[in-house]
Protein backbone atom coordinates (compact mmCIF):
# COMPACT_ATOMS: atom_id res chain seq x y z
CA UNK A 1 97.94 122.10 115.27
CA UNK A 2 97.54 119.70 112.37
CA UNK A 3 97.27 116.06 113.39
CA UNK A 4 98.66 112.83 111.94
CA UNK A 5 98.59 109.10 112.57
CA UNK A 6 101.70 107.32 113.83
CA UNK A 7 102.35 103.74 114.92
CA UNK A 8 104.03 103.90 118.33
CA UNK A 9 105.55 101.24 120.55
CA UNK A 10 104.50 101.84 124.16
CA UNK A 11 105.82 98.64 125.77
CA UNK A 12 108.53 96.23 124.64
CA UNK A 13 107.06 92.94 123.53
CA UNK A 14 103.61 94.42 122.98
CA UNK A 15 101.99 95.40 119.64
CA UNK A 16 102.33 98.94 118.38
CA UNK A 17 99.28 101.17 118.55
CA UNK A 18 98.23 103.71 115.92
CA UNK A 19 97.95 107.03 117.73
CA UNK A 20 96.92 110.54 116.72
CA UNK A 21 99.67 113.07 117.42
CA UNK A 22 100.75 116.52 116.22
CA UNK A 23 102.40 116.95 112.83
CA UNK A 24 105.97 118.10 113.57
CA UNK A 25 107.31 121.48 112.52
CA UNK A 26 110.69 121.49 110.75
CA UNK A 27 113.51 123.48 112.31
CA UNK A 28 115.45 125.93 110.05
CA UNK A 29 117.77 123.23 108.64
CA UNK A 30 115.16 120.44 108.58
CA UNK A 31 112.67 119.18 106.05
CA UNK A 32 109.16 117.84 106.65
CA UNK A 33 108.40 114.72 104.61
CA UNK A 34 105.02 113.17 103.96
CA UNK A 35 105.84 109.47 104.17
CA UNK A 36 104.58 107.37 101.26
CA UNK A 37 106.30 104.09 102.15
CA UNK A 38 108.61 102.78 104.85
CA UNK A 39 110.56 99.55 104.57
CA UNK A 40 110.40 97.02 107.39
CA UNK A 41 113.75 95.80 108.71
CA UNK A 42 113.95 91.98 108.52
CA UNK A 43 114.77 91.77 112.23
CA UNK A 44 112.31 94.43 113.43
CA UNK A 45 110.40 91.87 115.50
CA UNK A 46 113.62 91.00 117.30
CA UNK A 47 114.41 94.67 117.88
CA UNK A 48 111.14 95.45 119.65
CA UNK A 49 111.05 92.18 121.59
CA UNK A 50 114.60 91.03 122.41
CA UNK A 51 116.97 93.87 121.51
CA UNK A 52 117.59 95.36 124.98
CA UNK A 53 118.57 91.92 126.29
CA UNK A 54 120.77 90.94 123.38
CA UNK A 55 122.37 94.32 122.67
CA UNK A 56 122.26 96.50 125.82
CA UNK A 57 125.09 98.65 124.44
CA UNK A 58 122.85 99.70 121.53
CA UNK A 59 119.87 101.40 123.19
CA UNK A 60 116.41 101.89 121.75
CA UNK A 61 114.58 105.24 122.04
CA UNK A 62 112.53 105.95 125.13
CA UNK A 63 108.97 104.73 124.84
CA UNK A 64 106.51 105.52 123.43
CA UNK A 65 108.54 105.70 120.23
CA UNK A 66 107.92 105.81 116.50
CA UNK A 67 109.99 103.22 114.66
CA UNK A 68 110.46 102.84 110.90
CA UNK A 69 113.99 102.83 109.49
CA UNK A 70 113.61 103.33 105.73
CA UNK A 71 111.13 106.09 104.84
CA UNK A 72 110.47 107.51 101.40
CA UNK A 73 107.99 110.17 100.41
CA UNK A 74 107.39 113.72 99.24
CA UNK A 75 108.81 116.87 100.81
CA UNK A 76 105.93 118.81 102.36
CA UNK A 77 107.82 121.81 103.73
CA UNK A 78 111.37 122.99 104.40
CA UNK A 79 113.02 125.13 107.04
CA UNK A 80 114.17 128.63 106.18
CA UNK A 81 117.85 127.60 105.99
CA UNK A 82 117.27 124.69 103.56
CA UNK A 83 118.72 125.53 100.16
CA UNK A 84 118.70 122.51 97.84
CA UNK A 85 115.49 120.71 98.78
CA UNK A 86 112.02 122.00 97.97
CA UNK A 87 108.40 120.99 98.54
CA UNK A 88 107.26 118.38 96.05
CA UNK A 89 110.62 116.60 95.79
CA UNK A 90 110.45 112.79 95.78
CA UNK A 91 112.94 111.63 98.41
CA UNK A 92 114.38 108.86 100.51
CA UNK A 93 115.29 109.85 104.06
CA UNK A 94 118.50 108.31 105.37
CA UNK A 95 118.06 107.56 109.08
CA UNK A 96 121.74 108.07 109.95
CA UNK A 97 122.02 110.75 112.62
CA UNK A 98 125.11 112.07 114.38
CA UNK A 99 126.12 115.06 116.47
CA UNK A 100 127.12 117.01 113.35
CA UNK A 101 129.88 118.98 115.02
CA UNK A 102 132.67 116.63 116.13
CA UNK A 103 135.85 116.20 114.11
CA UNK A 104 134.64 113.17 112.13
CA UNK A 105 131.24 114.74 111.43
CA UNK A 106 132.92 117.91 110.16
CA UNK A 107 134.96 115.65 107.90
CA UNK A 108 131.78 114.16 106.44
CA UNK A 109 132.19 110.76 108.14
CA UNK A 110 128.96 110.73 110.12
CA UNK A 111 129.05 106.96 110.64
CA UNK A 112 132.20 107.36 112.75
CA UNK A 113 130.53 109.76 115.21
CA UNK A 114 130.23 108.39 118.75
CA UNK A 115 126.57 109.50 118.66
CA UNK A 116 125.85 107.27 115.64
CA UNK A 117 122.11 106.65 115.74
CA UNK A 118 119.68 105.17 113.24
CA UNK A 119 116.47 107.14 113.44
CA UNK A 120 113.44 104.91 113.91
CA UNK A 121 115.66 102.03 115.01
CA UNK A 122 118.48 102.06 117.62
CA UNK A 123 121.60 103.95 118.64
CA UNK A 124 125.19 102.79 119.12
CA UNK A 125 125.75 105.39 121.84
CA UNK A 126 124.63 105.33 125.46
CA UNK A 127 123.93 109.02 124.90
CA UNK A 128 121.86 108.28 121.81
CA UNK A 129 118.67 109.49 123.44
CA UNK A 130 119.90 113.03 122.83
CA UNK A 131 119.66 112.28 119.10
CA UNK A 132 116.28 110.56 119.45
CA UNK A 133 115.00 113.66 121.27
CA UNK A 134 116.02 115.82 118.30
CA UNK A 135 114.52 113.47 115.71
CA UNK A 136 111.80 111.36 117.36
CA UNK A 137 109.87 110.57 114.17
CA UNK A 138 110.46 107.29 112.34
CA UNK A 139 108.85 106.21 109.11
CA UNK A 140 105.80 104.51 110.65
CA UNK A 141 104.00 107.86 110.63
CA UNK A 142 102.29 110.08 108.10
CA UNK A 143 104.90 112.81 108.49
CA UNK A 144 108.45 113.06 109.79
CA UNK A 145 111.22 115.63 110.09
CA UNK A 146 114.82 115.07 109.06
CA UNK A 147 118.00 117.13 108.63
CA UNK A 148 118.55 118.36 105.09
CA UNK A 149 121.81 116.39 104.79
CA UNK A 150 119.82 113.13 105.09
CA UNK A 151 117.83 113.64 101.90
CA UNK A 152 118.33 111.50 98.79
CA UNK A 153 116.42 112.61 95.70
CA UNK A 154 114.87 109.61 93.97
CA UNK A 155 114.05 109.39 90.24
CA UNK A 156 110.60 108.93 88.76
CA UNK A 157 111.42 105.34 87.75
CA UNK A 158 112.01 104.38 91.39
CA UNK A 159 108.79 103.74 93.29
CA UNK A 160 108.42 104.84 96.89
CA UNK A 161 108.12 101.16 97.81
CA UNK A 162 111.47 100.38 96.15
CA UNK A 163 113.04 103.38 97.86
CA UNK A 164 111.90 101.85 101.15
CA UNK A 165 114.60 99.22 100.59
CA UNK A 166 117.41 101.76 100.16
CA UNK A 167 118.75 101.27 103.67
CA UNK A 168 119.79 97.70 102.99
CA UNK A 169 120.74 98.32 99.37
CA UNK A 170 122.85 101.25 100.55
CA UNK A 171 124.49 99.19 103.29
CA UNK A 172 125.57 96.70 100.62
CA UNK A 173 126.83 99.54 98.44
CA UNK A 174 128.84 100.99 101.32
CA UNK A 175 130.50 97.60 101.79
CA UNK A 176 131.38 97.44 98.08
CA UNK A 177 132.92 100.90 98.35
CA UNK A 178 135.19 99.61 101.13
CA UNK A 179 136.11 96.72 98.85
CA UNK A 180 136.89 99.12 95.97
CA UNK A 181 134.76 96.88 93.75
CA UNK A 182 135.31 97.41 90.05
CA UNK A 183 135.88 95.93 86.59
CA UNK A 184 137.83 92.71 86.25
CA UNK A 185 137.33 91.59 89.84
CA UNK A 186 135.73 88.45 91.26
CA UNK A 187 133.62 88.70 94.43
CA UNK A 188 132.38 86.14 96.93
CA UNK A 189 129.13 87.05 98.69
CA UNK A 190 128.65 84.87 101.74
CA UNK A 191 124.90 84.77 102.41
CA UNK A 192 123.92 85.83 98.89
CA UNK A 193 120.24 84.89 99.29
CA UNK A 194 119.56 87.40 102.07
CA UNK A 195 118.56 91.05 101.87
CA UNK A 196 122.14 92.31 101.97
CA UNK A 197 123.41 89.45 99.83
CA UNK A 198 121.11 89.91 96.83
CA UNK A 199 121.73 93.66 96.86
CA UNK A 200 125.51 93.11 97.09
CA UNK A 201 125.44 90.80 94.07
CA UNK A 202 123.48 93.19 91.86
CA UNK A 203 125.46 96.25 92.91
CA UNK A 204 128.74 94.41 92.34
CA UNK A 205 127.65 93.54 88.81
CA UNK A 206 126.50 97.12 88.23
CA UNK A 207 129.94 98.28 89.40
CA UNK A 208 131.63 96.22 86.69
CA UNK A 209 132.70 93.17 88.71
CA UNK A 210 133.33 90.30 86.27
CA UNK A 211 131.90 87.49 88.36
CA UNK A 212 130.04 87.04 91.64
CA UNK A 213 130.29 83.81 93.58
CA UNK A 214 127.63 83.31 96.22
CA UNK A 215 126.80 80.94 99.05
CA UNK A 216 123.54 80.26 100.84
CA UNK A 217 121.50 77.51 102.47
CA UNK A 218 118.20 77.73 100.60
CA UNK A 219 118.51 75.92 97.28
CA UNK A 220 115.43 77.54 95.74
CA UNK A 221 116.64 81.04 96.59
CA UNK A 222 120.10 80.22 95.26
CA UNK A 223 118.49 79.32 91.92
CA UNK A 224 116.63 82.62 91.88
CA UNK A 225 119.83 84.54 92.56
CA UNK A 226 121.60 82.65 89.77
CA UNK A 227 118.80 83.58 87.36
CA UNK A 228 119.47 87.30 87.93
CA UNK A 229 122.56 86.95 85.70
CA UNK A 230 123.31 83.32 84.77
CA UNK A 231 126.54 84.22 82.97
CA UNK A 232 128.15 86.18 85.81
CA UNK A 233 126.72 84.63 89.00
CA UNK A 234 127.72 81.22 90.36
CA UNK A 235 126.27 79.77 93.54
CA UNK A 236 127.05 77.01 96.03
CA UNK A 237 124.86 75.62 98.78
CA UNK A 238 126.49 75.78 102.18
CA UNK A 239 127.14 72.32 103.56
CA UNK A 240 128.18 70.85 100.22
CA UNK A 241 131.85 71.59 100.79
CA UNK A 242 134.27 74.32 101.79
CA UNK A 243 133.22 77.73 100.47
CA UNK A 244 136.83 78.92 100.65
CA UNK A 245 138.11 75.99 98.60
CA UNK A 246 135.24 76.44 96.13
CA UNK A 247 136.13 80.12 95.66
CA UNK A 248 139.77 79.19 95.01
CA UNK A 249 138.70 76.52 92.50
CA UNK A 250 136.63 79.06 90.57
CA UNK A 251 139.56 81.50 90.32
CA UNK A 252 142.38 79.21 89.14
CA UNK A 253 143.63 78.89 92.71
CA UNK A 254 144.11 82.63 93.20
CA UNK A 255 141.08 83.43 95.32
CA UNK A 256 138.52 86.21 95.00
CA UNK A 257 139.41 89.89 95.18
CA UNK A 258 137.05 90.45 98.07
CA UNK A 259 134.49 88.72 100.27
CA UNK A 260 131.25 90.37 101.34
CA UNK A 261 130.16 88.59 104.53
CA UNK A 262 126.41 89.15 104.65
CA UNK A 263 125.53 86.34 107.02
CA UNK A 264 122.81 86.59 109.63
CA UNK A 265 123.41 87.40 113.28
CA UNK A 266 122.97 83.75 114.28
CA UNK A 267 125.11 82.19 111.52
CA UNK A 268 127.86 79.79 112.62
CA UNK A 269 131.18 81.53 113.01
CA UNK A 270 132.81 78.68 111.07
CA UNK A 271 130.93 79.75 107.94
CA UNK A 272 132.62 83.13 107.86
CA UNK A 273 136.03 81.69 108.71
CA UNK A 274 135.73 79.26 105.81
CA UNK A 275 134.79 81.93 103.27
CA UNK A 276 137.62 84.18 104.43
CA UNK A 277 140.02 81.51 103.22
CA UNK A 278 138.70 82.06 99.70
CA UNK A 279 140.17 85.54 99.38
CA UNK A 280 143.34 86.15 97.40
CA UNK A 281 146.58 87.54 98.74
CA UNK A 282 146.09 91.24 99.38
CA UNK A 283 142.32 90.88 99.23
CA UNK A 284 139.62 92.27 101.50
CA UNK A 285 136.92 90.76 103.71
CA UNK A 286 134.04 93.16 104.39
CA UNK A 287 131.57 92.29 107.14
CA UNK A 288 128.05 93.72 106.95
CA UNK A 289 126.15 90.86 108.55
CA UNK A 290 127.44 89.23 111.66
CA UNK A 291 127.76 85.76 113.11
CA UNK A 292 126.57 84.02 116.25
CA UNK A 293 129.84 84.13 118.18
CA UNK A 294 133.19 85.92 118.40
CA UNK A 295 135.43 85.50 115.37
CA UNK A 296 138.76 83.82 116.22
CA UNK A 297 141.01 85.47 113.66
CA UNK A 298 144.49 84.21 112.75
CA UNK A 299 146.22 87.58 112.71
CA UNK A 300 149.47 86.07 111.42
CA UNK A 301 147.56 84.85 108.37
CA UNK A 302 146.13 88.35 107.91
CA UNK A 303 149.64 89.76 108.12
CA UNK A 304 151.34 87.19 105.89
CA UNK A 305 148.63 87.36 103.22
CA UNK A 306 148.09 91.12 103.63
CA UNK A 307 144.36 90.53 103.92
CA UNK A 308 142.19 93.34 105.26
CA UNK A 309 139.21 92.59 107.54
CA UNK A 310 136.85 95.55 107.50
CA UNK A 311 133.61 96.21 109.36
CA UNK A 312 131.08 98.25 107.40
CA UNK A 313 127.99 99.88 108.86
CA UNK A 314 125.49 101.87 106.78
CA UNK A 315 126.44 104.31 103.99
CA UNK A 316 126.70 108.01 103.28
CA UNK A 317 123.87 110.11 101.87
CA UNK A 318 126.08 110.77 98.84
CA UNK A 319 126.35 107.02 98.27
CA UNK A 320 122.58 106.78 98.57
CA UNK A 321 122.31 109.41 95.85
CA UNK A 322 124.69 107.39 93.66
CA UNK A 323 122.36 104.39 93.97
CA UNK A 324 119.36 106.53 93.03
CA UNK A 325 121.27 107.80 90.01
CA UNK A 326 122.14 104.21 89.02
CA UNK A 327 118.44 103.40 89.06
CA UNK A 328 117.67 106.51 87.03
CA UNK A 329 120.08 105.46 84.26
CA UNK A 330 119.07 101.80 84.30
CA UNK A 331 122.43 100.59 85.59
CA UNK A 332 120.62 99.11 88.60
CA UNK A 333 117.27 97.35 88.15
CA UNK A 334 115.16 97.02 91.30
CA UNK A 335 112.39 95.02 89.65
CA UNK A 336 113.67 91.93 91.50
CA UNK A 337 111.98 93.23 94.66
CA UNK A 338 108.68 91.57 95.56
CA UNK A 339 106.77 94.35 97.28
CA UNK A 340 104.36 93.39 100.03
CA UNK A 341 102.55 96.56 101.20
CA UNK A 342 100.61 97.00 104.44
CA UNK A 343 98.56 99.97 105.62
CA UNK A 344 99.70 101.66 108.82
CA UNK A 345 96.83 99.99 110.68
CA UNK A 346 98.39 96.60 109.84
CA UNK A 347 101.92 97.44 110.97
CA UNK A 348 102.02 94.66 113.57
CA UNK A 349 100.93 92.05 111.03
CA UNK A 350 103.59 93.32 108.65
CA UNK A 351 106.35 93.02 111.26
CA UNK A 352 105.35 89.51 112.31
CA UNK A 353 104.85 88.40 108.69
CA UNK A 354 108.35 89.52 107.75
CA UNK A 355 109.79 87.01 110.22
CA UNK A 356 108.30 83.99 108.45
CA UNK A 357 108.64 85.22 104.86
CA UNK A 358 110.20 82.75 102.39
CA UNK A 359 111.39 85.14 99.66
CA UNK A 360 114.66 86.05 101.39
CA UNK A 361 116.48 89.01 99.86
CA UNK A 362 113.82 89.40 97.17
CA UNK A 363 111.15 90.33 99.71
CA UNK A 364 110.21 93.96 100.31
CA UNK A 365 107.80 94.51 103.19
CA UNK A 366 106.64 98.12 103.41
CA UNK A 367 104.21 100.10 105.50
CA UNK A 368 102.12 102.65 103.61
CA UNK A 369 101.10 105.42 106.08
């Protein structure tokens, strides 16, 4: 059989090794993709070192395993039952996997499946290994297989390296879809300088939102976010006052139409609670980040103000295609990304370097198999 190189994790807490293994063969409804670039998740170092301790209910694949969440490349071959994808297509491969046959999957809502698993990353199901067994190839390999429903066709003006960021850009887009973002609205992005935050701001503007308010802790990064669209983006450094009161002051006391909470997993819970107070009556709070503790929510306030608190995780393949189409037409410009490529042999350096990077949501670390 043909051989390929793949970076595999053999032991938690230890570096990955680049191994020679067989090139996989696609099943009838699968595609085989030659990976050209794979984005590195900002918290990948935490995943392979601390994840089982911190999140035992979200298991990793059995080791040795091939990680790599956000692959993009060229279709090499397709199974006999694949109809709309062909060899030579430039694609992004969404890592969302599900059982495919339960009621929610049959309704097209794969993210609601109890087998929800992110290929090359982790699962949300204790039975997720069944999905990992079906699709054991992440993007840190020269080739990978994927179901045909996971394929997003990318335009010629989107580089493979930019497509390697689609997982986080798509997660932000999925959140905006929950918010029903559109013309005439004002948004507050809490954590606007991070990977999800920058993408949320640009996608909100591309969706017609009139103004984006954003909070963050790094003053230099806040300036860079502001420069993306000085007329429509306003920023405030956390710690200089109440973000909720600031949002109200920038909207004539009404509050924003929705809040995108894109904070990090260790952010103080008080930060999110404060920003929630900046939403208008009948508005929405969409969480795509997380905070360091449980959120004590005043449910009477939610009821009285008719505010919706919504958790959002990942996005649909169709939404991924919408993003690719926005790039194709110029509605979304990904030139803000600062690409930092690493060969597969340097995957460990890439993962550790991502931890200490200072470019926040502008940074784009990718492995080039």
